[in-house]
């Protein structure tokens, strides 16, 4: 099984003083899965995150990804769809490796804001949002909450042990950090082909 170079396990550990807990910051193209009572944090513009957990075991995780531009692709499975599927399957496979049962998985999904307007002819946030909902429906993973599309970036605080999610809409951005970070990530995934397949563990 080979992985995309732009899909990686998050390594940015820190102590969150606001919530008095160990935390992981997840950047575009990263994911993280844990059995511990801790906090997963990410900031989403046009990207989406799926927060998926098994409530029976408390194993949960979060990813942060964007579909490459579909361009003029045709056919049953486009490169962009394969990339999104790869990002979701990596998260689900890691959950199962840590003891989650696939039949128990539940999801909450966020992001897909229209913050990269003008970069493509299509609304990449809307495409990301539609993809993640379609994927979860196809895989029969229940969606318990969602906050998708719209005008604003979001900061997500996810507690996998309980399933609690706090969402902060970032209505006042005084810098372009989020947009620049996602633009850089988007450029990377446009230039790196999908290499290999990931089989979903059942």
N, C-alpha and C. Protein backbone atom coordinates (compact mmCIF):
# COMPACT_ATOMS: atom_id res chain seq x y z
N UNK A 1 0.86 -1.19 0.00
CA UNK A 1 0.00 0.00 0.00
C UNK A 1 0.89 1.23 0.00
N UNK A 2 0.74 2.09 -0.99
CA UNK A 2 1.55 3.31 -1.06
C UNK A 2 0.67 4.52 -0.75
N UNK A 3 1.26 5.53 -0.15
CA UNK A 3 0.51 6.71 0.24
C UNK A 3 0.93 7.91 -0.59
N UNK A 4 0.01 8.84 -0.74
CA UNK A 4 0.36 10.11 -1.36
C UNK A 4 1.31 10.87 -0.45
N UNK A 5 2.30 11.51 -1.05
CA UNK A 5 3.24 12.30 -0.26
C UNK A 5 2.54 13.44 0.46
N UNK A 6 1.37 13.84 -0.04
CA UNK A 6 0.67 14.98 0.57
C UNK A 6 -0.35 14.53 1.61
N UNK A 7 -0.37 13.26 1.95
CA UNK A 7 -1.25 12.76 3.01
C UNK A 7 -0.36 12.20 4.11
N UNK A 8 -0.40 12.79 5.30
CA UNK A 8 0.56 12.42 6.34
C UNK A 8 -0.09 12.45 7.71
N UNK A 9 0.48 11.67 8.60
CA UNK A 9 0.04 11.67 9.99
C UNK A 9 0.51 12.96 10.66
N UNK A 10 -0.39 13.65 11.32
CA UNK A 10 -0.05 14.92 11.98
C UNK A 10 0.93 14.68 13.12
N UNK A 11 1.87 15.59 13.29
CA UNK A 11 2.90 15.44 14.33
C UNK A 11 3.01 16.67 15.24
N UNK A 12 2.14 17.66 15.04
CA UNK A 12 2.24 18.91 15.80
C UNK A 12 1.50 18.79 17.14
N UNK A 13 2.19 18.24 18.14
CA UNK A 13 1.62 18.06 19.48
C UNK A 13 1.82 19.34 20.31
N UNK A 14 0.86 19.67 21.13
CA UNK A 14 1.02 20.79 22.06
C UNK A 14 0.04 20.63 23.22
N UNK A 15 0.19 21.44 24.23
CA UNK A 15 -0.74 21.43 25.36
C UNK A 15 -1.68 22.62 25.22
N UNK A 16 -2.97 22.35 25.14
CA UNK A 16 -3.96 23.40 24.98
C UNK A 16 -4.39 23.91 26.36
N UNK A 17 -3.99 25.14 26.67
CA UNK A 17 -4.27 25.70 27.99
C UNK A 17 -5.75 26.05 28.17
N UNK A 18 -6.45 26.38 27.09
CA UNK A 18 -7.87 26.71 27.20
C UNK A 18 -8.70 25.52 27.66
N UNK A 19 -8.33 24.32 27.18
CA UNK A 19 -9.09 23.12 27.52
C UNK A 19 -8.34 22.21 28.48
N UNK A 20 -7.14 22.61 28.88
CA UNK A 20 -6.32 21.85 29.83
C UNK A 20 -6.15 20.40 29.38
N UNK A 21 -5.68 20.21 28.15
CA UNK A 21 -5.52 18.86 27.63
C UNK A 21 -4.44 18.81 26.56
N UNK A 22 -3.90 17.62 26.35
CA UNK A 22 -2.99 17.41 25.24
C UNK A 22 -3.74 17.57 23.93
N UNK A 23 -3.08 18.12 22.91
CA UNK A 23 -3.76 18.41 21.66
C UNK A 23 -2.84 18.15 20.48
N UNK A 24 -3.47 17.98 19.31
CA UNK A 24 -2.76 17.84 18.04
C UNK A 24 -3.34 18.86 17.08
N UNK A 25 -2.46 19.62 16.44
CA UNK A 25 -2.88 20.55 15.38
C UNK A 25 -2.72 19.84 14.04
N UNK A 26 -3.80 19.81 13.26
CA UNK A 26 -3.81 19.08 12.00
C UNK A 26 -3.85 20.06 10.84
N UNK A 27 -2.83 20.01 10.00
CA UNK A 27 -2.68 20.92 8.87
C UNK A 27 -3.26 20.29 7.61
N UNK A 28 -3.43 21.08 6.53
CA UNK A 28 -3.94 20.52 5.28
C UNK A 28 -3.10 19.32 4.81
N UNK A 29 -3.79 18.25 4.44
CA UNK A 29 -3.11 17.05 3.99
C UNK A 29 -2.74 16.09 5.10
N UNK A 30 -3.10 16.40 6.35
CA UNK A 30 -2.77 15.54 7.47
C UNK A 30 -4.01 14.87 8.06
N UNK A 31 -3.77 13.87 8.90
CA UNK A 31 -4.85 13.22 9.65
C UNK A 31 -4.27 12.71 10.96
N UNK A 32 -5.15 12.38 11.91
CA UNK A 32 -4.69 11.85 13.18
C UNK A 32 -5.79 11.01 13.79
N UNK A 33 -5.40 9.87 14.40
CA UNK A 33 -6.33 8.96 15.06
C UNK A 33 -5.79 8.66 16.45
N UNK A 34 -6.68 8.60 17.43
CA UNK A 34 -6.22 8.39 18.80
C UNK A 34 -7.21 7.55 19.61
N UNK A 35 -6.67 6.87 20.61
CA UNK A 35 -7.47 6.17 21.62
C UNK A 35 -7.52 6.98 22.91
N UNK A 36 -6.79 8.08 22.96
CA UNK A 36 -6.65 8.85 24.19
C UNK A 36 -7.70 9.95 24.30
N UNK A 37 -7.90 10.42 25.52
CA UNK A 37 -8.80 11.54 25.78
C UNK A 37 -8.00 12.81 25.54
N UNK A 38 -8.07 13.33 24.32
CA UNK A 38 -7.29 14.50 23.95
C UNK A 38 -8.09 15.33 22.95
N UNK A 39 -7.47 16.38 22.43
CA UNK A 39 -8.13 17.33 21.54
C UNK A 39 -7.44 17.35 20.19
N UNK A 40 -8.25 17.33 19.11
CA UNK A 40 -7.74 17.49 17.75
C UNK A 40 -8.25 18.82 17.22
N UNK A 41 -7.33 19.63 16.68
CA UNK A 41 -7.68 20.99 16.26
C UNK A 41 -7.26 21.20 14.82
N UNK A 42 -8.12 21.83 14.04
CA UNK A 42 -7.75 22.21 12.69
C UNK A 42 -8.51 23.46 12.27
N UNK A 43 -7.97 24.15 11.26
CA UNK A 43 -8.63 25.34 10.71
C UNK A 43 -8.93 25.07 9.25
N UNK A 44 -10.18 25.24 8.86
CA UNK A 44 -10.65 24.88 7.52
C UNK A 44 -11.12 26.10 6.75
N UNK A 45 -10.64 26.20 5.52
CA UNK A 45 -11.19 27.17 4.58
C UNK A 45 -12.03 26.41 3.58
N UNK A 46 -11.47 26.18 2.38
CA UNK A 46 -12.15 25.38 1.36
C UNK A 46 -12.00 23.88 1.62
N UNK A 47 -11.04 23.49 2.42
CA UNK A 47 -10.84 22.07 2.76
C UNK A 47 -12.00 21.56 3.61
N UNK A 48 -12.09 20.24 3.72
CA UNK A 48 -13.07 19.63 4.60
C UNK A 48 -12.36 18.71 5.59
N UNK A 49 -13.01 18.49 6.72
CA UNK A 49 -12.56 17.51 7.70
C UNK A 49 -13.71 16.59 8.03
N UNK A 50 -13.39 15.31 8.12
CA UNK A 50 -14.33 14.31 8.64
C UNK A 50 -13.85 13.90 10.02
N UNK A 51 -14.69 14.09 11.02
CA UNK A 51 -14.42 13.63 12.38
C UNK A 51 -15.16 12.30 12.53
N UNK A 52 -14.43 11.20 12.62
CA UNK A 52 -15.05 9.87 12.64
C UNK A 52 -14.62 9.13 13.89
N UNK A 53 -15.57 8.45 14.55
CA UNK A 53 -15.25 7.71 15.76
C UNK A 53 -16.14 6.50 15.93
N UNK A 54 -15.69 5.59 16.77
CA UNK A 54 -16.49 4.47 17.24
C UNK A 54 -16.89 4.79 18.67
N UNK A 55 -18.16 5.11 18.92
CA UNK A 55 -18.55 5.51 20.28
C UNK A 55 -18.39 4.39 21.31
N UNK A 56 -18.36 3.14 20.86
CA UNK A 56 -18.22 2.02 21.80
C UNK A 56 -16.81 1.91 22.35
N UNK A 57 -15.83 2.28 21.56
CA UNK A 57 -14.43 2.15 21.99
C UNK A 57 -13.77 3.49 22.31
N UNK A 58 -14.35 4.59 21.81
CA UNK A 58 -13.75 5.90 22.01
C UNK A 58 -12.62 6.19 21.06
N UNK A 59 -12.34 5.30 20.11
CA UNK A 59 -11.32 5.54 19.11
C UNK A 59 -11.87 6.53 18.08
N UNK A 60 -11.13 7.59 17.83
CA UNK A 60 -11.63 8.59 16.89
C UNK A 60 -10.50 9.30 16.18
N UNK A 61 -10.83 9.94 15.08
CA UNK A 61 -9.81 10.67 14.33
C UNK A 61 -10.41 11.72 13.43
N UNK A 62 -9.52 12.50 12.84
CA UNK A 62 -9.92 13.62 12.00
C UNK A 62 -8.94 13.74 10.85
N UNK A 63 -9.44 14.05 9.65
CA UNK A 63 -8.56 14.34 8.53
C UNK A 63 -8.82 15.77 8.04
N UNK A 64 -7.99 16.23 7.12
CA UNK A 64 -8.11 17.60 6.59
C UNK A 64 -7.61 17.53 5.15
N UNK A 65 -8.54 17.61 4.20
CA UNK A 65 -8.13 17.41 2.82
C UNK A 65 -8.93 18.26 1.85
N UNK A 66 -8.41 18.36 0.64
CA UNK A 66 -9.03 19.09 -0.46
C UNK A 66 -8.90 18.25 -1.72
N UNK A 67 -9.91 18.26 -2.55
CA UNK A 67 -9.82 17.59 -3.83
C UNK A 67 -8.96 18.42 -4.78
N UNK A 68 -8.12 17.76 -5.57
CA UNK A 68 -7.44 18.51 -6.64
C UNK A 68 -8.48 19.04 -7.62
N UNK A 69 -8.09 20.03 -8.40
CA UNK A 69 -8.97 20.57 -9.42
C UNK A 69 -9.30 19.47 -10.42
N UNK A 70 -10.58 19.27 -10.71
CA UNK A 70 -11.00 18.21 -11.62
C UNK A 70 -10.56 18.49 -13.05
N UNK A 71 -10.38 19.77 -13.39
CA UNK A 71 -9.95 20.13 -14.73
C UNK A 71 -10.91 19.60 -15.79
N UNK A 72 -10.35 18.95 -16.79
CA UNK A 72 -11.15 18.40 -17.87
C UNK A 72 -11.30 16.89 -17.75
N UNK A 73 -11.13 16.35 -16.54
CA UNK A 73 -11.17 14.91 -16.37
C UNK A 73 -12.54 14.35 -16.69
N UNK A 74 -12.53 13.18 -17.30
CA UNK A 74 -13.77 12.46 -17.57
C UNK A 74 -13.59 11.03 -17.11
N UNK A 75 -14.65 10.26 -17.16
CA UNK A 75 -14.56 8.87 -16.76
C UNK A 75 -15.22 8.63 -15.43
N UNK A 76 -15.36 7.35 -15.09
CA UNK A 76 -16.12 6.97 -13.90
C UNK A 76 -15.44 7.44 -12.62
N UNK A 77 -14.10 7.36 -12.58
CA UNK A 77 -13.39 7.74 -11.35
C UNK A 77 -12.29 8.73 -11.74
N UNK A 78 -12.49 10.00 -11.41
CA UNK A 78 -11.50 11.02 -11.74
C UNK A 78 -10.35 10.98 -10.74
N UNK A 79 -9.25 11.64 -11.10
CA UNK A 79 -8.12 11.73 -10.19
C UNK A 79 -8.53 12.39 -8.88
N UNK A 80 -9.36 13.44 -8.97
CA UNK A 80 -9.78 14.14 -7.75
C UNK A 80 -10.60 13.23 -6.84
N UNK A 81 -11.48 12.42 -7.44
CA UNK A 81 -12.27 11.50 -6.63
C UNK A 81 -11.39 10.44 -5.99
N UNK A 82 -10.40 9.95 -6.72
CA UNK A 82 -9.48 8.95 -6.16
C UNK A 82 -8.70 9.55 -5.00
N UNK A 83 -8.30 10.83 -5.12
CA UNK A 83 -7.56 11.47 -4.04
C UNK A 83 -8.42 11.57 -2.78
N UNK A 84 -9.66 12.04 -2.95
CA UNK A 84 -10.54 12.17 -1.79
C UNK A 84 -10.82 10.84 -1.13
N UNK A 85 -11.04 9.81 -1.96
CA UNK A 85 -11.28 8.47 -1.44
C UNK A 85 -10.07 7.98 -0.67
N UNK A 86 -8.88 8.22 -1.19
CA UNK A 86 -7.64 7.83 -0.52
C UNK A 86 -7.54 8.48 0.86
N UNK A 87 -7.81 9.78 0.93
CA UNK A 87 -7.73 10.50 2.21
C UNK A 87 -8.72 9.95 3.22
N UNK A 88 -9.93 9.61 2.78
CA UNK A 88 -10.94 9.07 3.70
C UNK A 88 -10.58 7.66 4.13
N UNK A 89 -10.10 6.84 3.20
CA UNK A 89 -9.79 5.45 3.54
C UNK A 89 -8.61 5.34 4.49
N UNK A 90 -7.63 6.23 4.35
CA UNK A 90 -6.51 6.23 5.29
C UNK A 90 -7.01 6.44 6.72
N UNK A 91 -7.93 7.39 6.88
CA UNK A 91 -8.47 7.67 8.21
C UNK A 91 -9.24 6.47 8.75
N UNK A 92 -10.12 5.90 7.93
CA UNK A 92 -10.94 4.78 8.38
C UNK A 92 -10.08 3.55 8.69
N UNK A 93 -9.11 3.27 7.84
CA UNK A 93 -8.24 2.13 8.09
C UNK A 93 -7.49 2.26 9.41
N UNK A 94 -7.01 3.48 9.71
CA UNK A 94 -6.28 3.68 10.96
C UNK A 94 -7.20 3.53 12.17
N UNK A 95 -8.44 3.99 12.05
CA UNK A 95 -9.42 3.79 13.12
C UNK A 95 -9.60 2.30 13.41
N UNK A 96 -9.74 1.51 12.36
CA UNK A 96 -9.96 0.07 12.53
C UNK A 96 -8.72 -0.60 13.11
N UNK A 97 -7.54 -0.16 12.70
CA UNK A 97 -6.30 -0.72 13.26
C UNK A 97 -6.22 -0.51 14.76
N UNK A 98 -6.79 0.61 15.24
CA UNK A 98 -6.73 0.91 16.68
C UNK A 98 -7.92 0.34 17.45
N UNK A 99 -8.75 -0.45 16.77
CA UNK A 99 -9.80 -1.16 17.49
C UNK A 99 -11.23 -0.73 17.22
N UNK A 100 -11.43 0.26 16.39
CA UNK A 100 -12.79 0.67 16.05
C UNK A 100 -13.45 -0.41 15.20
N UNK A 101 -14.76 -0.56 15.36
CA UNK A 101 -15.52 -1.47 14.52
C UNK A 101 -16.20 -0.67 13.42
N UNK A 102 -16.03 -1.13 12.20
CA UNK A 102 -16.53 -0.36 11.07
C UNK A 102 -18.03 -0.12 11.15
N UNK A 103 -18.77 -1.10 11.62
CA UNK A 103 -20.23 -0.98 11.68
C UNK A 103 -20.69 0.03 12.72
N UNK A 104 -19.78 0.44 13.63
CA UNK A 104 -20.14 1.39 14.69
C UNK A 104 -19.75 2.83 14.35
N UNK A 105 -19.05 3.04 13.25
CA UNK A 105 -18.50 4.36 12.97
C UNK A 105 -19.60 5.41 12.75
N UNK A 106 -19.35 6.60 13.30
CA UNK A 106 -20.23 7.75 13.08
C UNK A 106 -19.36 8.95 12.74
N UNK A 107 -19.93 9.89 11.99
CA UNK A 107 -19.14 11.01 11.47
C UNK A 107 -19.80 12.35 11.74
N UNK A 108 -18.94 13.37 11.84
CA UNK A 108 -19.36 14.76 11.81
C UNK A 108 -18.43 15.45 10.81
N UNK A 109 -18.97 16.27 9.92
CA UNK A 109 -18.17 16.83 8.84
C UNK A 109 -18.29 18.34 8.78
N UNK A 110 -17.17 18.98 8.42
CA UNK A 110 -17.08 20.43 8.49
C UNK A 110 -16.21 20.97 7.36
N UNK A 111 -16.41 22.26 7.05
CA UNK A 111 -15.55 22.95 6.10
C UNK A 111 -16.23 23.24 4.78
N UNK A 112 -15.40 23.35 3.73
CA UNK A 112 -15.93 23.61 2.40
C UNK A 112 -16.36 25.05 2.19
N UNK A 113 -15.77 25.97 2.92
CA UNK A 113 -16.11 27.38 2.74
C UNK A 113 -15.61 27.91 1.40
N UNK A 114 -16.25 28.93 0.89
CA UNK A 114 -15.86 29.51 -0.40
C UNK A 114 -14.81 30.59 -0.17
N UNK A 115 -13.62 30.15 0.25
CA UNK A 115 -12.55 31.10 0.57
C UNK A 115 -11.46 31.15 -0.47
N UNK A 116 -11.52 30.24 -1.45
CA UNK A 116 -10.53 30.25 -2.53
C UNK A 116 -11.18 30.72 -3.82
N UNK A 117 -12.18 31.56 -3.72
CA UNK A 117 -12.89 32.06 -4.90
C UNK A 117 -11.92 32.71 -5.86
N UNK A 118 -12.11 32.42 -7.14
CA UNK A 118 -11.26 33.02 -8.16
C UNK A 118 -10.11 32.14 -8.58
N UNK A 119 -9.79 31.11 -7.79
CA UNK A 119 -8.68 30.24 -8.15
C UNK A 119 -9.09 29.19 -9.18
N UNK A 120 -10.35 28.81 -9.19
CA UNK A 120 -10.84 27.81 -10.14
C UNK A 120 -12.19 28.24 -10.65
N UNK A 121 -12.62 27.63 -11.74
CA UNK A 121 -13.93 27.95 -12.28
C UNK A 121 -15.03 27.28 -11.47
N UNK A 122 -14.68 26.28 -10.70
CA UNK A 122 -15.66 25.62 -9.86
C UNK A 122 -15.42 25.99 -8.40
N UNK A 123 -16.45 25.89 -7.59
CA UNK A 123 -16.35 26.18 -6.16
C UNK A 123 -15.75 24.95 -5.49
N UNK A 124 -14.45 25.01 -5.19
CA UNK A 124 -13.77 23.85 -4.64
C UNK A 124 -14.34 23.46 -3.28
N UNK A 125 -14.79 24.43 -2.48
CA UNK A 125 -15.38 24.11 -1.20
C UNK A 125 -16.65 23.29 -1.34
N UNK A 126 -17.50 23.66 -2.30
CA UNK A 126 -18.73 22.92 -2.54
C UNK A 126 -18.43 21.51 -3.06
N UNK A 127 -17.42 21.40 -3.92
CA UNK A 127 -17.03 20.07 -4.43
C UNK A 127 -16.51 19.19 -3.30
N UNK A 128 -15.70 19.76 -2.41
CA UNK A 128 -15.20 18.99 -1.27
C UNK A 128 -16.34 18.52 -0.38
N UNK A 129 -17.29 19.42 -0.14
CA UNK A 129 -18.43 19.10 0.72
C UNK A 129 -19.29 18.00 0.12
N UNK A 130 -19.58 18.10 -1.18
CA UNK A 130 -20.39 17.09 -1.85
C UNK A 130 -19.68 15.74 -1.84
N UNK A 131 -18.36 15.77 -2.06
CA UNK A 131 -17.61 14.51 -2.06
C UNK A 131 -17.70 13.80 -0.72
N UNK A 132 -17.44 14.51 0.39
CA UNK A 132 -17.38 13.84 1.68
C UNK A 132 -18.75 13.28 2.07
N UNK A 133 -19.83 13.98 1.73
CA UNK A 133 -21.16 13.47 2.04
C UNK A 133 -21.48 12.25 1.18
N UNK A 134 -21.10 12.28 -0.09
CA UNK A 134 -21.34 11.13 -0.97
C UNK A 134 -20.54 9.91 -0.52
N UNK A 135 -19.28 10.15 -0.13
CA UNK A 135 -18.44 9.04 0.32
C UNK A 135 -19.05 8.37 1.55
N UNK A 136 -19.44 9.16 2.53
CA UNK A 136 -19.98 8.60 3.77
C UNK A 136 -21.30 7.87 3.52
N UNK A 137 -22.12 8.39 2.62
CA UNK A 137 -23.38 7.71 2.28
C UNK A 137 -23.09 6.36 1.61
N UNK A 138 -22.12 6.35 0.69
CA UNK A 138 -21.77 5.12 -0.01
C UNK A 138 -21.22 4.07 0.96
N UNK A 139 -20.43 4.51 1.92
CA UNK A 139 -19.83 3.61 2.90
C UNK A 139 -20.75 3.33 4.09
N UNK A 140 -21.94 3.90 4.07
CA UNK A 140 -22.95 3.68 5.13
C UNK A 140 -22.43 4.06 6.52
N UNK A 141 -21.72 5.18 6.55
CA UNK A 141 -21.27 5.74 7.83
C UNK A 141 -22.22 6.88 8.18
N UNK A 142 -22.84 6.79 9.33
CA UNK A 142 -23.86 7.75 9.73
C UNK A 142 -23.25 9.13 9.99
N UNK A 143 -23.87 10.17 9.46
CA UNK A 143 -23.43 11.54 9.69
C UNK A 143 -24.33 12.14 10.78
N UNK A 144 -23.74 12.42 11.94
CA UNK A 144 -24.50 12.92 13.08
C UNK A 144 -24.57 14.44 13.13
N UNK A 145 -23.66 15.11 12.43
CA UNK A 145 -23.68 16.57 12.40
C UNK A 145 -22.85 17.05 11.22
N UNK A 146 -23.19 18.21 10.70
CA UNK A 146 -22.41 18.79 9.61
C UNK A 146 -22.54 20.31 9.62
N UNK A 147 -21.50 20.96 9.18
CA UNK A 147 -21.49 22.42 8.99
C UNK A 147 -20.59 22.66 7.78
N UNK A 148 -21.21 22.74 6.60
CA UNK A 148 -20.48 22.77 5.34
C UNK A 148 -20.82 24.00 4.52
N UNK A 149 -19.93 24.34 3.59
CA UNK A 149 -20.00 25.48 2.67
C UNK A 149 -20.18 26.80 3.44
N UNK A 150 -20.65 27.83 2.77
CA UNK A 150 -20.75 29.14 3.40
C UNK A 150 -19.57 30.03 3.06
N UNK A 151 -19.53 31.19 3.68
CA UNK A 151 -18.54 32.22 3.33
C UNK A 151 -17.28 32.18 4.17
N UNK A 152 -17.33 31.58 5.37
CA UNK A 152 -16.26 31.79 6.34
C UNK A 152 -15.43 30.54 6.61
N UNK A 153 -14.15 30.74 6.92
CA UNK A 153 -13.34 29.64 7.45
C UNK A 153 -13.87 29.23 8.83
N UNK A 154 -13.44 28.06 9.27
CA UNK A 154 -13.88 27.52 10.56
C UNK A 154 -12.68 26.97 11.33
N UNK A 155 -12.71 27.12 12.63
CA UNK A 155 -11.75 26.43 13.49
C UNK A 155 -12.51 25.32 14.21
N UNK A 156 -11.98 24.10 14.13
CA UNK A 156 -12.65 22.92 14.66
C UNK A 156 -11.89 22.40 15.87
N UNK A 157 -12.61 22.16 16.95
CA UNK A 157 -12.06 21.52 18.15
C UNK A 157 -12.80 20.20 18.33
N UNK A 158 -12.10 19.09 18.16
CA UNK A 158 -12.75 17.77 18.20
C UNK A 158 -12.20 16.95 19.35
N UNK A 159 -13.10 16.41 20.16
CA UNK A 159 -12.76 15.56 21.29
C UNK A 159 -13.19 14.13 20.95
N UNK A 160 -12.30 13.30 20.38
CA UNK A 160 -12.71 11.98 19.92
C UNK A 160 -13.28 11.07 20.99
N UNK A 161 -12.82 11.20 22.22
CA UNK A 161 -13.28 10.30 23.28
C UNK A 161 -14.78 10.46 23.54
N UNK A 162 -15.30 11.67 23.36
CA UNK A 162 -16.72 11.92 23.61
C UNK A 162 -17.51 12.21 22.34
N UNK A 163 -16.81 12.56 21.28
CA UNK A 163 -17.48 12.95 20.04
C UNK A 163 -17.86 14.41 19.98
N UNK A 164 -17.56 15.16 21.03
CA UNK A 164 -17.92 16.57 21.06
C UNK A 164 -17.09 17.37 20.06
N UNK A 165 -17.76 18.29 19.35
CA UNK A 165 -17.09 19.18 18.42
C UNK A 165 -17.51 20.62 18.69
N UNK A 166 -16.55 21.50 18.80
CA UNK A 166 -16.82 22.93 18.89
C UNK A 166 -16.38 23.57 17.58
N UNK A 167 -17.23 24.40 17.00
CA UNK A 167 -16.94 25.05 15.73
C UNK A 167 -16.95 26.56 15.93
N UNK A 168 -15.86 27.20 15.54
CA UNK A 168 -15.77 28.66 15.62
C UNK A 168 -15.68 29.22 14.21
N UNK A 169 -16.67 30.02 13.79
CA UNK A 169 -16.62 30.67 12.49
C UNK A 169 -15.66 31.86 12.58
N UNK A 170 -14.72 31.92 11.65
CA UNK A 170 -13.72 32.98 11.64
C UNK A 170 -14.20 34.08 10.70
N UNK A 171 -15.08 34.94 11.21
CA UNK A 171 -15.72 35.96 10.38
C UNK A 171 -14.83 37.17 10.15
N UNK A 172 -13.83 37.34 10.99
CA UNK A 172 -12.91 38.48 10.84
C UNK A 172 -11.50 37.96 10.69
N UNK A 173 -11.05 37.85 9.46
CA UNK A 173 -9.68 37.43 9.19
C UNK A 173 -8.85 38.66 8.83
N UNK A 174 -7.85 38.94 9.65
CA UNK A 174 -7.01 40.11 9.41
C UNK A 174 -5.72 39.76 8.66
N UNK A 175 -5.60 38.48 8.30
CA UNK A 175 -4.46 38.08 7.48
C UNK A 175 -4.89 36.97 6.53
N UNK A 176 -4.01 36.62 5.62
CA UNK A 176 -4.36 35.63 4.60
C UNK A 176 -3.73 34.27 4.88
N UNK A 177 -3.42 33.98 6.15
CA UNK A 177 -2.74 32.74 6.48
C UNK A 177 -3.50 31.51 6.00
N UNK A 178 -4.80 31.46 6.27
CA UNK A 178 -5.59 30.28 5.90
C UNK A 178 -5.61 30.10 4.39
N UNK A 179 -5.88 31.18 3.68
CA UNK A 179 -5.96 31.11 2.22
C UNK A 179 -4.61 30.72 1.62
N UNK A 180 -3.53 31.31 2.12
CA UNK A 180 -2.21 30.99 1.58
C UNK A 180 -1.81 29.55 1.88
N UNK A 181 -2.16 29.06 3.07
CA UNK A 181 -1.84 27.69 3.44
C UNK A 181 -2.57 26.71 2.53
N UNK A 182 -3.85 26.99 2.26
CA UNK A 182 -4.62 26.11 1.39
C UNK A 182 -4.19 26.23 -0.06
N UNK A 183 -3.80 27.43 -0.49
CA UNK A 183 -3.31 27.58 -1.86
C UNK A 183 -2.03 26.76 -2.07
N UNK A 184 -1.13 26.81 -1.08
CA UNK A 184 0.10 26.05 -1.17
C UNK A 184 -0.18 24.55 -1.19
N UNK A 185 -1.10 24.11 -0.34
CA UNK A 185 -1.49 22.70 -0.29
C UNK A 185 -2.11 22.27 -1.61
N UNK A 186 -2.97 23.12 -2.16
CA UNK A 186 -3.63 22.82 -3.43
C UNK A 186 -2.60 22.68 -4.56
N UNK A 187 -1.60 23.54 -4.58
CA UNK A 187 -0.55 23.45 -5.60
C UNK A 187 0.21 22.13 -5.49
N UNK A 188 0.44 21.68 -4.26
CA UNK A 188 1.16 20.42 -4.07
C UNK A 188 0.35 19.23 -4.58
N UNK A 189 -0.94 19.18 -4.26
CA UNK A 189 -1.73 18.03 -4.69
C UNK A 189 -1.99 18.05 -6.18
N UNK A 190 -1.95 19.25 -6.79
CA UNK A 190 -2.11 19.31 -8.24
C UNK A 190 -0.91 18.70 -8.95
N UNK A 191 0.28 18.78 -8.32
CA UNK A 191 1.51 18.36 -8.99
C UNK A 191 1.90 16.93 -8.65
N UNK A 192 1.23 16.29 -7.67
CA UNK A 192 1.61 14.94 -7.27
C UNK A 192 0.51 13.96 -7.64
N UNK A 193 0.80 12.98 -8.50
CA UNK A 193 -0.23 12.03 -8.92
C UNK A 193 -0.60 11.06 -7.82
N UNK A 194 -1.79 10.49 -7.93
CA UNK A 194 -2.19 9.42 -7.02
C UNK A 194 -1.34 8.21 -7.35
N UNK A 195 -0.64 7.68 -6.35
CA UNK A 195 0.26 6.55 -6.59
C UNK A 195 -0.21 5.35 -5.79
N UNK A 196 -0.79 4.38 -6.48
CA UNK A 196 -1.22 3.18 -5.80
C UNK A 196 -2.64 3.28 -5.28
N UNK A 197 -3.08 2.22 -4.68
CA UNK A 197 -4.45 2.13 -4.18
C UNK A 197 -4.41 1.83 -2.68
N UNK A 198 -5.47 2.20 -1.99
CA UNK A 198 -5.64 1.86 -0.59
C UNK A 198 -6.88 1.00 -0.49
N UNK A 199 -6.76 -0.17 0.10
CA UNK A 199 -7.91 -1.03 0.28
C UNK A 199 -8.57 -0.72 1.62
N UNK A 200 -9.88 -0.56 1.59
CA UNK A 200 -10.62 -0.27 2.80
C UNK A 200 -10.79 -1.54 3.63
N UNK A 201 -10.36 -1.52 4.88
CA UNK A 201 -10.54 -2.67 5.75
C UNK A 201 -12.01 -2.80 6.13
N UNK A 202 -12.56 -3.98 6.02
CA UNK A 202 -13.98 -4.20 6.34
C UNK A 202 -14.10 -4.91 7.68
